[in-house]
Amino acid sequence: MQDMNTRETRLTDMLDPARASAMQAALGRGGAIAAGDALPPFYHQLYFWEARPPGDLGRDGHPRPGRGVIPDMGLPRRMWAGGRLEFHGPLRAGEAATKTTQVESTSRKEGRSGPLAFVTLRHEIAQAGRVCVTEMQDLVYREDPGPDAVKPIPPVAPVDEESAREAQFDATLLFRYSALTFNGHRIHYDAPYAREVEGYAGLVTHGPLLAQLLMLMAQEELGSLKRFAFRATSPLTLPDPATLCRKGTRLWVRAPDGRQCMQAEADV
């Protein structure tokens, strides 16, 4: 890994309870969130929007690399590959918080499908002078798929779970999640773009949405989270549902055809 420069961004936001309550509704979870309530884990994704004018956006709807903290790696396709989170204390709805982001590292390598570039971002979310969440976000950049591109063989998901939950996804949920997180990535709402440009079978269910559901499952079944790590292993596309699985502190997402879409580890 190559250390990058220390450029950083710092955003301050009021953690509006209405936005968290809207997330609860979108996920079909009961109970509104009021000012002073502790936010569920990973709900900080709803805040700290970086609204850019159209000229600062790339073809995929994301802010164009090189115009912010993320360097331009010279490859067009971006994917959120995974992340690691530490929860030092709860974030409270209705109170101001600050998110500081730095580039932790970058690297490049040649994969089976062509060149790959990796960027790891470090986010710290602080409230009332205390860091509440530290998040390492792993991004992968790659070339567009060629007409003869060989798709990677996805891993097979385990079937020995101790608990399982069925999750349904549709275009409405993907739209609402994109709106709540201010995620402009076209693979989640523009089906022709997802298929014809980025080579997916259809609209792609957000990796962070799958991670969010696994975090909520882990907290409800194991207790308050201290750490959580996840890695995307295969895309889930509409109209496929998924099975959220847990065995001990290991969690994963299984697609209907048995492939593993995400793996995770919780620490409570």
C-alpha atoms as a PDB file:
ATOM      1  CA  MET A   1       0.000   0.000   0.000  1.00  0.00           C
ATOM      2  CA  GLN A   2       1.163   3.496  -0.829  1.00  0.00           C
ATOM      3  CA  ASP A   3       0.436   6.281   1.630  1.00  0.00           C
ATOM      4  CA  MET A   4      -1.381   9.229   0.086  1.00  0.00           C
ATOM      5  CA  ASN A   5      -1.277  12.893   0.905  1.00  0.00           C
ATOM      6  CA  THR A   6      -3.076  14.261   3.930  1.00  0.00           C
ATOM      7  CA  ARG A   7      -5.785  16.189   2.086  1.00  0.00           C
ATOM      8  CA  GLU A   8      -8.993  16.044   4.040  1.00  0.00           C
ATOM      9  CA  THR A   9     -12.565  17.197   3.982  1.00  0.00           C
ATOM     10  CA  ARG A  10     -14.577  18.226   7.003  1.00  0.00           C
ATOM     11  CA  LEU A  11     -18.361  18.448   6.990  1.00  0.00           C
ATOM     12  CA  THR A  12     -20.712  19.432   9.796  1.00  0.00           C
ATOM     13  CA  ASP A  13     -24.350  18.371   9.827  1.00  0.00           C
ATOM     14  CA  MET A  14     -27.299  18.453  12.180  1.00  0.00           C
ATOM     15  CA  LEU A  15     -28.379  14.822  12.531  1.00  0.00           C
ATOM     16  CA  ASP A  16     -32.022  15.471  11.655  1.00  0.00           C
ATOM     17  CA  PRO A  17     -34.300  12.935  13.392  1.00  0.00           C
ATOM     18  CA  ALA A  18     -36.756  13.151  10.474  1.00  0.00           C
ATOM     19  CA  ARG A  19     -34.177  11.696   8.087  1.00  0.00           C
ATOM     20  CA  ALA A  20     -33.448   8.793  10.433  1.00  0.00           C
ATOM     21  CA  SER A  21     -37.179   8.197  10.844  1.00  0.00           C
ATOM     22  CA  ALA A  22     -37.533   8.162   7.053  1.00  0.00           C
ATOM     23  CA  MET A  23     -34.857   5.472   6.937  1.00  0.00           C
ATOM     24  CA  GLN A  24     -36.784   3.467   9.504  1.00  0.00           C
ATOM     25  CA  ALA A  25     -39.857   3.679   7.293  1.00  0.00           C
ATOM     26  CA  ALA A  26     -37.953   2.778   4.116  1.00  0.00           C
ATOM     27  CA  LEU A  27     -36.574  -0.349   5.784  1.00  0.00           C
ATOM     28  CA  GLY A  28     -39.958  -1.302   7.218  1.00  0.00           C
ATOM     29  CA  ARG A  29     -38.750  -0.847  10.784  1.00  0.00           C
ATOM     30  CA  GLY A  30     -41.171   0.321  13.428  1.00  0.00           C
ATOM     31  CA  GLY A  31     -40.653   3.373  15.562  1.00  0.00           C
ATOM     32  CA  ALA A  32     -39.754   6.943  14.742  1.00  0.00           C
ATOM     33  CA  ILE A  33     -36.474   8.428  15.980  1.00  0.00           C
ATOM     34  CA  ALA A  34     -36.696  11.548  18.136  1.00  0.00           C
ATOM     35  CA  ALA A  35     -34.133  14.181  19.096  1.00  0.00           C
ATOM     36  CA  GLY A  36     -31.760  12.761  21.694  1.00  0.00           C
ATOM     37  CA  ASP A  37     -32.240   9.143  20.626  1.00  0.00           C
ATOM     38  CA  ALA A  38     -29.194   7.053  19.803  1.00  0.00           C
ATOM     39  CA  LEU A  39     -28.983   6.401  16.069  1.00  0.00           C
ATOM     40  CA  PRO A  40     -28.786   2.789  14.896  1.00  0.00           C
ATOM     41  CA  PRO A  41     -25.344   1.726  13.678  1.00  0.00           C
ATOM     42  CA  PHE A  42     -24.339   3.004  10.214  1.00  0.00           C
ATOM     43  CA  TYR A  43     -27.123   5.598  10.103  1.00  0.00           C
ATOM     44  CA  HIS A  44     -24.433   8.262   9.794  1.00  0.00           C
ATOM     45  CA  GLN A  45     -24.584   7.342   6.072  1.00  0.00           C
ATOM     46  CA  LEU A  46     -27.759   9.461   5.926  1.00  0.00           C
ATOM     47  CA  TYR A  47     -25.867  12.659   6.714  1.00  0.00           C
ATOM     48  CA  PHE A  48     -22.902  14.770   5.578  1.00  0.00           C
ATOM     49  CA  TRP A  49     -24.088  15.096   1.996  1.00  0.00           C
ATOM     50  CA  GLU A  50     -21.518  16.408  -0.484  1.00  0.00           C
ATOM     51  CA  ALA A  51     -23.774  18.147  -2.986  1.00  0.00           C
ATOM     52  CA  ARG A  52     -21.824  18.934  -6.159  1.00  0.00           C
ATOM     53  CA  PRO A  53     -22.980  20.824  -9.276  1.00  0.00           C
ATOM     54  CA  PRO A  54     -23.510  18.767 -12.468  1.00  0.00           C
ATOM     55  CA  GLY A  55     -20.133  19.790 -13.859  1.00  0.00           C
ATOM     56  CA  ASP A  56     -18.366  18.077 -10.948  1.00  0.00           C
ATOM     57  CA  LEU A  57     -20.067  14.726 -11.544  1.00  0.00           C
ATOM     58  CA  GLY A  58     -18.714  11.812 -13.549  1.00  0.00           C
ATOM     59  CA  ARG A  59     -20.714   9.784 -16.036  1.00  0.00           C
ATOM     60  CA  ASP A  60     -21.775   7.400 -13.243  1.00  0.00           C
ATOM     61  CA  GLY A  61     -23.382  10.147 -11.144  1.00  0.00           C
ATOM     62  CA  HIS A  62     -20.661  10.154  -8.473  1.00  0.00           C
ATOM     63  CA  PRO A  63     -18.493  13.212  -7.838  1.00  0.00           C
ATOM     64  CA  ARG A  64     -15.660  13.056 -10.367  1.00  0.00           C
ATOM     65  CA  PRO A  65     -12.416  11.765  -8.782  1.00  0.00           C
ATOM     66  CA  GLY A  66      -9.659  14.326  -8.550  1.00  0.00           C
ATOM     67  CA  ARG A  67     -11.999  17.178  -7.615  1.00  0.00           C
ATOM     68  CA  GLY A  68     -12.230  16.286  -3.955  1.00  0.00           C
ATOM     69  CA  VAL A  69     -10.365  14.152  -1.489  1.00  0.00           C
ATOM     70  CA  ILE A  70     -10.454  11.040  -3.743  1.00  0.00           C
ATOM     71  CA  PRO A  71      -7.605  10.999  -6.274  1.00  0.00           C
ATOM     72  CA  ASP A  72      -8.197  10.236  -9.942  1.00  0.00           C
ATOM     73  CA  MET A  73      -7.045   6.635 -10.412  1.00  0.00           C
ATOM     74  CA  GLY A  74      -7.659   6.694 -14.167  1.00  0.00           C
ATOM     75  CA  LEU A  75     -10.339   3.975 -14.179  1.00  0.00           C
ATOM     76  CA  PRO A  76     -14.063   4.642 -14.751  1.00  0.00           C
ATOM     77  CA  ARG A  77     -16.015   2.091 -12.690  1.00  0.00           C
ATOM     78  CA  ARG A  78     -16.312   2.630  -8.945  1.00  0.00           C
ATOM     79  CA  MET A  79     -17.477   0.077  -6.398  1.00  0.00           C
ATOM     80  CA  TRP A  80     -17.773   0.210  -2.619  1.00  0.00           C
ATOM     81  CA  ALA A  81     -15.876  -3.002  -1.842  1.00  0.00           C
ATOM     82  CA  GLY A  82     -16.217  -3.073   1.931  1.00  0.00           C
ATOM     83  CA  GLY A  83     -15.400  -1.375   5.170  1.00  0.00           C
ATOM     84  CA  ARG A  84     -14.463  -1.595   8.822  1.00  0.00           C
ATOM     85  CA  LEU A  85     -16.192   0.359  11.556  1.00  0.00           C
ATOM     86  CA  GLU A  86     -15.444   1.028  15.207  1.00  0.00           C
ATOM     87  CA  PHE A  87     -18.265   2.327  17.374  1.00  0.00           C
ATOM     88  CA  HIS A  88     -16.810   4.309  20.275  1.00  0.00           C
ATOM     89  CA  GLY A  89     -20.116   5.759  21.450  1.00  0.00           C
ATOM     90  CA  PRO A  90     -23.610   6.493  20.160  1.00  0.00           C
ATOM     91  CA  LEU A  91     -24.417   9.310  17.780  1.00  0.00           C
ATOM     92  CA  ARG A  92     -27.453  11.267  18.976  1.00  0.00           C
ATOM     93  CA  ALA A  93     -30.227  12.451  16.677  1.00  0.00           C
ATOM     94  CA  GLY A  94     -30.978  16.160  16.685  1.00  0.00           C
ATOM     95  CA  GLU A  95     -27.415  17.214  17.540  1.00  0.00           C
ATOM     96  CA  ALA A  96     -24.619  18.563  15.352  1.00  0.00           C
ATOM     97  CA  ALA A  97     -21.806  16.235  14.317  1.00  0.00           C
ATOM     98  CA  THR A  98     -18.645  16.574  12.236  1.00  0.00           C
ATOM     99  CA  LYS A  99     -17.268  14.104   9.710  1.00  0.00           C
ATOM    100  CA  THR A 100     -13.577  14.291   8.818  1.00  0.00           C
ATOM    101  CA  THR A 101     -12.376  12.303   5.795  1.00  0.00           C
ATOM    102  CA  GLN A 102      -8.817  11.543   4.686  1.00  0.00           C
ATOM    103  CA  VAL A 103      -7.295   9.274   2.064  1.00  0.00           C
ATOM    104  CA  GLU A 104      -5.649   6.524   4.077  1.00  0.00           C
ATOM    105  CA  SER A 105      -3.959   4.696   1.185  1.00  0.00           C
ATOM    106  CA  THR A 106      -4.087   3.788  -2.499  1.00  0.00           C
ATOM    107  CA  SER A 107      -2.702   0.937  -4.559  1.00  0.00           C
ATOM    108  CA  ARG A 108      -2.934  -0.556  -8.045  1.00  0.00           C
ATOM    109  CA  LYS A 109      -2.634  -4.084  -9.345  1.00  0.00           C
ATOM    110  CA  GLU A 110      -3.390  -6.179 -12.401  1.00  0.00           C
ATOM    111  CA  GLY A 111      -6.373  -8.467 -11.886  1.00  0.00           C
ATOM    112  CA  ARG A 112      -7.734 -11.299 -14.009  1.00  0.00           C
ATOM    113  CA  SER A 113     -10.188  -8.887 -15.608  1.00  0.00           C
ATOM    114  CA  GLY A 114      -7.695  -6.047 -16.072  1.00  0.00           C
ATOM    115  CA  PRO A 115      -6.202  -3.214 -13.994  1.00  0.00           C
ATOM    116  CA  LEU A 116      -7.635  -2.458 -10.568  1.00  0.00           C
ATOM    117  CA  ALA A 117      -7.121   0.533  -8.292  1.00  0.00           C
ATOM    118  CA  PHE A 118      -7.880   0.593  -4.576  1.00  0.00           C
ATOM    119  CA  VAL A 119      -8.598   3.625  -2.406  1.00  0.00           C
ATOM    120  CA  THR A 120      -9.165   3.440   1.341  1.00  0.00           C
ATOM    121  CA  LEU A 121     -10.806   6.413   3.037  1.00  0.00           C
ATOM    122  CA  ARG A 122     -10.744   7.072   6.766  1.00  0.00           C
ATOM    123  CA  HIS A 123     -13.807   8.787   8.204  1.00  0.00           C
ATOM    124  CA  GLU A 124     -14.156  10.012  11.775  1.00  0.00           C
ATOM    125  CA  ILE A 125     -17.564  11.160  12.975  1.00  0.00           C
ATOM    126  CA  ALA A 126     -17.458  13.266  16.122  1.00  0.00           C
ATOM    127  CA  GLN A 127     -20.174  14.752  18.291  1.00  0.00           C
ATOM    128  CA  ALA A 128     -19.842  16.978  21.368  1.00  0.00           C
ATOM    129  CA  GLY A 129     -16.045  16.912  21.000  1.00  0.00           C
ATOM    130  CA  ARG A 130     -15.786  13.115  20.985  1.00  0.00           C
ATOM    131  CA  VAL A 131     -15.159  10.707  18.117  1.00  0.00           C
ATOM    132  CA  CYS A 132     -18.137   8.346  18.059  1.00  0.00           C
ATOM    133  CA  VAL A 133     -17.464   6.341  14.888  1.00  0.00           C
ATOM    134  CA  THR A 134     -14.291   5.526  12.978  1.00  0.00           C
ATOM    135  CA  GLU A 135     -14.912   4.074   9.531  1.00  0.00           C
ATOM    136  CA  MET A 136     -12.482   2.724   6.943  1.00  0.00           C
ATOM    137  CA  GLN A 137     -14.162   2.665   3.512  1.00  0.00           C
ATOM    138  CA  ASP A 138     -12.645   0.558   0.732  1.00  0.00           C
ATOM    139  CA  LEU A 139     -13.306   1.628  -2.866  1.00  0.00           C
ATOM    140  CA  VAL A 140     -12.299  -0.263  -6.009  1.00  0.00           C
ATOM    141  CA  TYR A 141     -11.942   1.227  -9.479  1.00  0.00           C
ATOM    142  CA  ARG A 142     -11.801  -0.845 -12.665  1.00  0.00           C
ATOM    143  CA  GLU A 143     -12.213  -0.675 -16.427  1.00  0.00           C
ATOM    144  CA  ASP A 144     -15.485  -1.067 -18.295  1.00  0.00           C
ATOM    145  CA  PRO A 145     -16.237  -4.696 -19.157  1.00  0.00           C
ATOM    146  CA  GLY A 146     -15.307  -5.643 -22.720  1.00  0.00           C
ATOM    147  CA  PRO A 147     -17.620  -7.678 -24.961  1.00  0.00           C
ATOM    148  CA  ASP A 148     -15.633 -10.843 -24.216  1.00  0.00           C
ATOM    149  CA  ALA A 149     -15.015 -10.126 -20.539  1.00  0.00           C
ATOM    150  CA  VAL A 150     -15.089 -13.206 -18.317  1.00  0.00           C
ATOM    151  CA  LYS A 151     -17.117 -12.628 -15.201  1.00  0.00           C
ATOM    152  CA  PRO A 152     -15.464 -13.741 -11.950  1.00  0.00           C
ATOM    153  CA  ILE A 153     -16.835 -16.846 -10.280  1.00  0.00           C
ATOM    154  CA  PRO A 154     -18.582 -15.735  -7.071  1.00  0.00           C
ATOM    155  CA  PRO A 155     -18.056 -17.637  -3.820  1.00  0.00           C
ATOM    156  CA  VAL A 156     -20.702 -20.087  -2.649  1.00  0.00           C
ATOM    157  CA  ALA A 157     -22.480 -18.944   0.503  1.00  0.00           C
ATOM    158  CA  PRO A 158     -22.497 -21.155   3.605  1.00  0.00           C
ATOM    159  CA  VAL A 159     -25.756 -22.892   4.517  1.00  0.00           C
ATOM    160  CA  ASP A 160     -25.023 -23.583   8.192  1.00  0.00           C
ATOM    161  CA  GLU A 161     -26.511 -20.392   9.629  1.00  0.00           C
ATOM    162  CA  GLU A 162     -27.994 -20.276  13.122  1.00  0.00           C
ATOM    163  CA  SER A 163     -30.486 -17.578  12.138  1.00  0.00           C
ATOM    164  CA  ALA A 164     -31.745 -16.213   8.843  1.00  0.00           C
ATOM    165  CA  ARG A 165     -33.956 -13.385   7.621  1.00  0.00           C
ATOM    166  CA  GLU A 166     -35.441 -12.909   4.183  1.00  0.00           C
ATOM    167  CA  ALA A 167     -34.975  -9.487   2.597  1.00  0.00           C
ATOM    168  CA  GLN A 168     -36.905  -8.165  -0.410  1.00  0.00           C
ATOM    169  CA  PHE A 169     -35.678  -5.406  -2.702  1.00  0.00           C
ATOM    170  CA  ASP A 170     -37.379  -3.367  -5.396  1.00  0.00           C
ATOM    171  CA  ALA A 171     -36.776  -0.186  -7.358  1.00  0.00           C
ATOM    172  CA  THR A 172     -38.689   1.903  -4.810  1.00  0.00           C
ATOM    173  CA  LEU A 173     -36.433   0.832  -1.925  1.00  0.00           C
ATOM    174  CA  LEU A 174     -33.304   1.423  -4.008  1.00  0.00           C
ATOM    175  CA  PHE A 175     -34.564   4.887  -4.971  1.00  0.00           C
ATOM    176  CA  ARG A 176     -35.412   5.805  -1.390  1.00  0.00           C
ATOM    177  CA  TYR A 177     -32.053   4.564  -0.076  1.00  0.00           C
ATOM    178  CA  SER A 178     -30.218   6.498  -2.804  1.00  0.00           C
ATOM    179  CA  ALA A 179     -32.204   9.610  -1.912  1.00  0.00           C
ATOM    180  CA  LEU A 180     -31.642   9.307   1.835  1.00  0.00           C
ATOM    181  CA  THR A 181     -27.885   8.812   1.397  1.00  0.00           C
ATOM    182  CA  PHE A 182     -27.601  11.300  -1.511  1.00  0.00           C
ATOM    183  CA  ASN A 183     -26.036   8.555  -3.627  1.00  0.00           C
ATOM    184  CA  GLY A 184     -26.167   9.474  -7.322  1.00  0.00           C
ATOM    185  CA  HIS A 185     -24.583   6.241  -8.623  1.00  0.00           C
ATOM    186  CA  ARG A 186     -26.642   5.365 -11.700  1.00  0.00           C
ATOM    187  CA  ILE A 187     -26.334   1.598 -11.281  1.00  0.00           C
ATOM    188  CA  HIS A 188     -29.009   1.853  -8.572  1.00  0.00           C
ATOM    189  CA  TYR A 189     -31.709   3.636 -10.611  1.00  0.00           C
ATOM    190  CA  ASP A 190     -30.754   3.698 -14.309  1.00  0.00           C
ATOM    191  CA  ALA A 191     -31.252   0.144 -15.606  1.00  0.00           C
ATOM    192  CA  PRO A 192     -29.973   0.746 -19.190  1.00  0.00           C
ATOM    193  CA  TYR A 193     -26.802   2.329 -17.799  1.00  0.00           C
ATOM    194  CA  ALA A 194     -26.310  -0.510 -15.303  1.00  0.00           C
ATOM    195  CA  ARG A 195     -26.666  -3.146 -18.039  1.00  0.00           C
ATOM    196  CA  GLU A 196     -25.112  -1.521 -21.085  1.00  0.00           C
ATOM    197  CA  VAL A 197     -22.256   0.483 -19.576  1.00  0.00           C
ATOM    198  CA  GLU A 198     -21.250  -1.292 -16.382  1.00  0.00           C
ATOM    199  CA  GLY A 199     -22.292  -4.810 -17.403  1.00  0.00           C
ATOM    200  CA  TYR A 200     -24.686  -5.721 -14.593  1.00  0.00           C
ATOM    201  CA  ALA A 201     -27.761  -7.919 -15.029  1.00  0.00           C
ATOM    202  CA  GLY A 202     -30.031  -5.092 -13.833  1.00  0.00           C
ATOM    203  CA  LEU A 203     -30.328  -2.471 -11.113  1.00  0.00           C
ATOM    204  CA  VAL A 204     -27.804  -3.153  -8.374  1.00  0.00           C
ATOM    205  CA  THR A 205     -28.833  -3.319  -4.728  1.00  0.00           C
ATOM    206  CA  HIS A 206     -26.500  -1.020  -2.769  1.00  0.00           C
ATOM    207  CA  GLY A 207     -23.673  -2.798  -0.983  1.00  0.00           C
ATOM    208  CA  PRO A 208     -23.991  -0.403   1.978  1.00  0.00           C
ATOM    209  CA  LEU A 209     -27.710  -1.247   2.175  1.00  0.00           C
ATOM    210  CA  LEU A 210     -26.851  -4.931   2.547  1.00  0.00           C
ATOM    211  CA  ALA A 211     -24.226  -4.023   5.150  1.00  0.00           C
ATOM    212  CA  GLN A 212     -26.794  -1.873   6.961  1.00  0.00           C
ATOM    213  CA  LEU A 213     -29.241  -4.771   7.181  1.00  0.00           C
ATOM    214  CA  LEU A 214     -26.523  -7.089   8.486  1.00  0.00           C
ATOM    215  CA  MET A 215     -25.507  -4.535  11.138  1.00  0.00           C
ATOM    216  CA  LEU A 216     -29.076  -4.163  12.333  1.00  0.00           C
ATOM    217  CA  MET A 217     -29.441  -7.951  12.454  1.00  0.00           C
ATOM    218  CA  ALA A 218     -26.186  -8.307  14.406  1.00  0.00           C
ATOM    219  CA  GLN A 219     -27.169  -5.651  16.938  1.00  0.00           C
ATOM    220  CA  GLU A 220     -30.643  -7.095  17.461  1.00  0.00           C
ATOM    221  CA  GLU A 221     -29.367 -10.647  17.923  1.00  0.00           C
ATOM    222  CA  LEU A 222     -25.971 -10.121  19.596  1.00  0.00           C
ATOM    223  CA  GLY A 223     -26.107  -6.735  21.332  1.00  0.00           C
ATOM    224  CA  SER A 224     -24.472  -3.345  20.858  1.00  0.00           C
ATOM    225  CA  LEU A 225     -21.708  -3.377  18.277  1.00  0.00           C
ATOM    226  CA  LYS A 226     -18.115  -2.428  19.076  1.00  0.00           C
ATOM    227  CA  ARG A 227     -16.769  -3.218  15.612  1.00  0.00           C
ATOM    228  CA  PHE A 228     -18.152  -4.402  12.309  1.00  0.00           C
ATOM    229  CA  ALA A 229     -16.291  -5.372   9.132  1.00  0.00           C
ATOM    230  CA  PHE A 230     -17.851  -6.279   5.799  1.00  0.00           C
ATOM    231  CA  ARG A 231     -16.728  -7.148   2.278  1.00  0.00           C
ATOM    232  CA  ALA A 232     -18.804  -7.323  -0.895  1.00  0.00           C
ATOM    233  CA  THR A 233     -18.166 -10.533  -2.850  1.00  0.00           C
ATOM    234  CA  SER A 234     -20.825 -10.539  -5.609  1.00  0.00           C
ATOM    235  CA  PRO A 235     -23.450  -7.988  -6.757  1.00  0.00           C
ATOM    236  CA  LEU A 236     -27.116  -8.529  -5.963  1.00  0.00           C
ATOM    237  CA  THR A 237     -29.410  -7.222  -8.710  1.00  0.00           C
ATOM    238  CA  LEU A 238     -33.149  -6.718  -8.964  1.00  0.00           C
ATOM    239  CA  PRO A 239     -35.506  -8.475  -8.719  1.00  0.00           C
ATOM    240  CA  ASP A 240     -33.510 -10.921  -6.579  1.00  0.00           C
ATOM    241  CA  PRO A 241     -34.308 -11.163  -2.864  1.00  0.00           C
ATOM    242  CA  ALA A 242     -31.623 -12.210  -0.404  1.00  0.00           C
ATOM    243  CA  THR A 243     -31.220 -14.222   2.781  1.00  0.00           C
ATOM    244  CA  LEU A 244     -29.408 -12.499   5.642  1.00  0.00           C
ATOM    245  CA  CYS A 245     -27.534 -15.152   7.621  1.00  0.00           C
ATOM    246  CA  ARG A 246     -25.702 -15.326  10.938  1.00  0.00           C
ATOM    247  CA  LYS A 247     -23.633 -17.965  12.691  1.00  0.00           C
ATOM    248  CA  GLY A 248     -22.056 -16.708  15.879  1.00  0.00           C
ATOM    249  CA  THR A 249     -20.455 -13.367  15.029  1.00  0.00           C
ATOM    250  CA  ARG A 250     -20.122 -14.185  11.309  1.00  0.00           C
ATOM    251  CA  LEU A 251     -22.765 -12.838   8.946  1.00  0.00           C
ATOM    252  CA  TRP A 252     -23.344 -13.102   5.217  1.00  0.00           C
ATOM    253  CA  VAL A 253     -25.831 -12.405   2.429  1.00  0.00           C
ATOM    254  CA  ARG A 254     -26.940 -15.325   0.262  1.00  0.00           C
ATOM    255  CA  ALA A 255     -28.545 -14.825  -3.147  1.00  0.00           C
ATOM    256  CA  PRO A 256     -31.311 -17.129  -4.453  1.00  0.00           C
ATOM    257  CA  ASP A 257     -28.799 -19.063  -6.598  1.00  0.00           C
ATOM    258  CA  GLY A 258     -26.648 -19.793  -3.525  1.00  0.00           C
ATOM    259  CA  ARG A 259     -23.818 -17.358  -4.193  1.00  0.00           C
ATOM    260  CA  GLN A 260     -22.433 -15.172  -1.437  1.00  0.00           C
ATOM    261  CA  CYS A 261     -22.972 -11.441  -1.994  1.00  0.00           C
ATOM    262  CA  MET A 262     -21.388 -10.156   1.211  1.00  0.00           C
ATOM    263  CA  GLN A 263     -19.531 -11.462   4.235  1.00  0.00           C
ATOM    264  CA  ALA A 264     -19.165  -9.709   7.573  1.00  0.00           C
ATOM    265  CA  GLU A 265     -17.851 -10.069  11.116  1.00  0.00           C
ATOM    266  CA  ALA A 266     -19.342  -8.423  14.202  1.00  0.00           C
ATOM    267  CA  ASP A 267     -17.655  -7.671  17.515  1.00  0.00           C
ATOM    268  CA  VAL A 268     -19.922  -6.935  20.472  1.00  0.00           C
END
